[in-house]
């Protein structure tokens, strides 16, 4: 991770962006985004794309019995391993 986040170049910020977004923090509050229109626009574009993807492929919780089925399948395979 880059120590001085206030003086990042666009290249440094953009390479750091996946880690920042993945952390769950508000990427738009990052000091570089606050002062850089290019990276702010890029972040907004990525957020728009991510929202569109969520609408296309909504997350659905698997049925409750799924974990039991996986455990049963694993137990059935264990004796056949030699």
Protein backbone atom coordinates (compact mmCIF):
# COMPACT_ATOMS: atom_id res chain seq x y z
CA UNK A 1 0.00 0.00 0.00
CA UNK A 2 1.21 3.49 -0.77
CA UNK A 3 2.11 5.45 2.34
CA UNK A 4 1.45 9.04 1.21
CA UNK A 5 -2.01 8.93 -0.35
CA UNK A 6 -2.30 12.73 -0.61
CA UNK A 7 0.37 13.10 -3.29
CA UNK A 8 -0.46 10.11 -5.47
CA UNK A 9 -0.18 10.33 -9.21
CA UNK A 10 -3.15 9.19 -11.29
CA UNK A 11 -1.25 6.03 -12.20
CA UNK A 12 -0.56 5.23 -8.53
CA UNK A 13 -4.16 5.90 -7.54
CA UNK A 14 -5.59 3.83 -10.37
CA UNK A 15 -3.39 0.86 -9.45
CA UNK A 16 -4.48 1.29 -5.80
CA UNK A 17 -8.18 1.69 -6.70
CA UNK A 18 -9.10 -2.05 -6.70
CA UNK A 19 -7.69 -2.43 -3.17
CA UNK A 20 -9.52 0.71 -2.04
CA UNK A 21 -12.84 -0.35 -3.55
CA UNK A 22 -12.42 -3.90 -2.25
CA UNK A 23 -11.88 -2.60 1.28
CA UNK A 24 -15.44 -1.28 1.35
CA UNK A 25 -14.27 2.24 2.12
CA UNK A 26 -15.81 5.22 0.35
CA UNK A 27 -13.40 5.64 -2.56
CA UNK A 28 -14.90 9.02 -3.44
CA UNK A 29 -13.60 10.38 -0.12
CA UNK A 30 -9.98 9.59 -1.01
CA UNK A 31 -7.81 12.76 -1.14
CA UNK A 32 -6.66 12.07 -4.72
CA UNK A 33 -10.24 11.74 -5.98
CA UNK A 34 -11.16 14.97 -4.23
CA UNK A 35 -8.59 16.93 -6.24
CA UNK A 36 -8.38 14.96 -9.53
CA UNK A 37 -11.26 15.30 -11.99
CA UNK A 38 -9.91 12.50 -14.22
CA UNK A 39 -9.84 9.88 -11.45
CA UNK A 40 -13.15 11.16 -10.04
CA UNK A 41 -14.77 10.63 -13.46
CA UNK A 42 -13.16 7.18 -13.77
CA UNK A 43 -14.49 6.20 -10.34
CA UNK A 44 -17.98 7.42 -11.25
CA UNK A 45 -17.87 5.42 -14.50
CA UNK A 46 -16.81 2.29 -12.60
CA UNK A 47 -19.61 2.78 -10.08
CA UNK A 48 -22.12 3.15 -12.93
CA UNK A 49 -20.85 -0.04 -14.56
CA UNK A 50 -20.96 -1.93 -11.25
CA UNK A 51 -24.53 -0.81 -10.60
CA UNK A 52 -25.60 -1.89 -14.09
CA UNK A 53 -23.96 -5.29 -13.54
CA UNK A 54 -25.79 -5.72 -10.22
CA UNK A 55 -29.08 -5.06 -12.00
CA UNK A 56 -28.26 -7.53 -14.78
CA UNK A 57 -27.11 -10.27 -12.41
CA UNK A 58 -28.83 -9.85 -9.06
CA UNK A 59 -27.29 -11.74 -6.17
CA UNK A 60 -29.52 -14.52 -4.96
CA UNK A 61 -28.99 -16.45 -1.77
CA UNK A 62 -28.66 -20.18 -2.34
CA UNK A 63 -31.33 -22.45 -0.87
CA UNK A 64 -30.78 -23.43 2.77
CA UNK A 65 -30.41 -27.11 1.87
CA UNK A 66 -27.48 -26.46 -0.49
CA UNK A 67 -24.77 -26.69 2.20
CA UNK A 68 -26.24 -29.99 3.43
CA UNK A 69 -26.16 -31.35 -0.13
CA UNK A 70 -22.51 -30.32 -0.52
CA UNK A 71 -21.57 -31.98 2.79
CA UNK A 72 -23.39 -35.17 1.80
CA UNK A 73 -21.65 -35.27 -1.58
CA UNK A 74 -18.24 -34.81 0.08
CA UNK A 75 -18.94 -37.59 2.59
CA UNK A 76 -19.98 -39.91 -0.24
CA UNK A 77 -16.72 -39.26 -2.10
CA UNK A 78 -14.41 -39.70 0.90
CA UNK A 79 -14.53 -43.54 1.07
CA UNK A 80 -13.67 -43.81 -2.64
CA UNK A 81 -10.41 -41.94 -2.16
CA UNK A 82 -7.67 -44.41 -1.76
